[in-house]
């Protein structure tokens, strides 16, 4: 959550585009828009997979494509 708070403080706008639960974790689709003039940053559609073990998130991984994220989350 601290990571998200830091980038939101920089003026980044993010929208959750989807949430799906698989056998290994939760896939979260994100659309991120950086403010004008941000160096080395570009708008992106990306995916986070919240890996779950014993009903707790133990790792968050970023993926640039849906297929890889879905596989990691255990979606069929």
Protein backbone atom coordinates (compact mmCIF):
# COMPACT_ATOMS: atom_id res chain seq x y z
CA UNK A 1 0.00 0.00 0.00
CA UNK A 2 2.92 2.34 0.69
CA UNK A 3 4.06 1.95 -2.93
CA UNK A 4 0.63 2.93 -4.23
CA UNK A 5 0.48 5.90 -1.88
CA UNK A 6 3.86 7.17 -3.13
CA UNK A 7 2.88 7.16 -6.78
CA UNK A 8 -0.54 8.67 -6.12
CA UNK A 9 1.22 11.52 -4.30
CA UNK A 10 3.16 12.15 -7.55
CA UNK A 11 -0.10 12.75 -9.40
CA UNK A 12 -0.46 9.33 -10.98
CA UNK A 13 -4.03 8.29 -11.76
CA UNK A 14 -4.92 4.61 -11.61
CA UNK A 15 -8.07 2.66 -12.31
CA UNK A 16 -8.77 -0.98 -11.51
CA UNK A 17 -10.04 -2.54 -14.73
CA UNK A 18 -10.68 -6.07 -13.48
CA UNK A 19 -10.35 -8.42 -10.51
CA UNK A 20 -10.39 -12.19 -10.87
CA UNK A 21 -9.68 -14.88 -8.31
CA UNK A 22 -7.70 -17.96 -9.28
CA UNK A 23 -6.34 -20.95 -7.41
CA UNK A 24 -2.99 -19.22 -6.65
CA UNK A 25 -4.05 -15.63 -6.15
CA UNK A 26 -5.98 -12.59 -7.31
CA UNK A 27 -5.41 -10.94 -10.70
CA UNK A 28 -5.88 -7.18 -10.68
CA UNK A 29 -5.91 -5.31 -13.99
CA UNK A 30 -4.76 -1.68 -13.77
CA UNK A 31 -4.78 1.28 -16.12
CA UNK A 32 -2.17 3.85 -15.02
CA UNK A 33 -1.88 7.42 -16.31
CA UNK A 34 1.15 9.52 -15.38
CA UNK A 35 0.88 13.31 -15.17
CA UNK A 36 2.24 15.38 -18.06
CA UNK A 37 5.94 16.06 -17.79
CA UNK A 38 6.81 12.95 -15.80
CA UNK A 39 10.26 11.90 -17.01
CA UNK A 40 10.70 8.30 -18.16
CA UNK A 41 7.12 7.35 -17.35
CA UNK A 42 4.42 6.37 -19.79
CA UNK A 43 0.79 5.39 -19.46
CA UNK A 44 0.33 1.67 -19.08
CA UNK A 45 -2.14 -1.15 -18.78
CA UNK A 46 -0.64 -3.71 -16.45
CA UNK A 47 -1.57 -6.50 -14.13
CA UNK A 48 -0.73 -7.29 -10.54
CA UNK A 49 -1.15 -10.75 -9.10
CA UNK A 50 -1.62 -10.90 -5.36
CA UNK A 51 -0.27 -14.33 -4.44
CA UNK A 52 -2.28 -15.87 -1.59
CA UNK A 53 -1.27 -18.51 0.92
CA UNK A 54 -3.26 -19.41 4.05
CA UNK A 55 -5.78 -16.69 3.19
CA UNK A 56 -3.11 -13.96 3.26
CA UNK A 57 -1.32 -12.06 0.51
CA UNK A 58 2.35 -13.00 0.74
CA UNK A 59 3.68 -11.58 -2.54
CA UNK A 60 2.65 -9.08 -5.21
CA UNK A 61 3.97 -9.54 -8.74
CA UNK A 62 3.62 -7.25 -11.73
CA UNK A 63 2.92 -8.56 -15.23
CA UNK A 64 2.75 -6.63 -18.48
CA UNK A 65 0.38 -9.07 -20.17
CA UNK A 66 -2.87 -10.72 -19.15
CA UNK A 67 -1.90 -14.27 -20.17
CA UNK A 68 1.15 -14.38 -17.88
CA UNK A 69 -0.80 -12.82 -15.01
CA UNK A 70 -3.70 -15.23 -15.44
CA UNK A 71 -1.34 -18.21 -15.45
CA UNK A 72 0.39 -16.99 -12.27
CA UNK A 73 -2.96 -16.42 -10.52
CA UNK A 74 -4.13 -19.90 -11.49
CA UNK A 75 -7.05 -18.85 -13.67
CA UNK A 76 -8.45 -21.54 -15.95
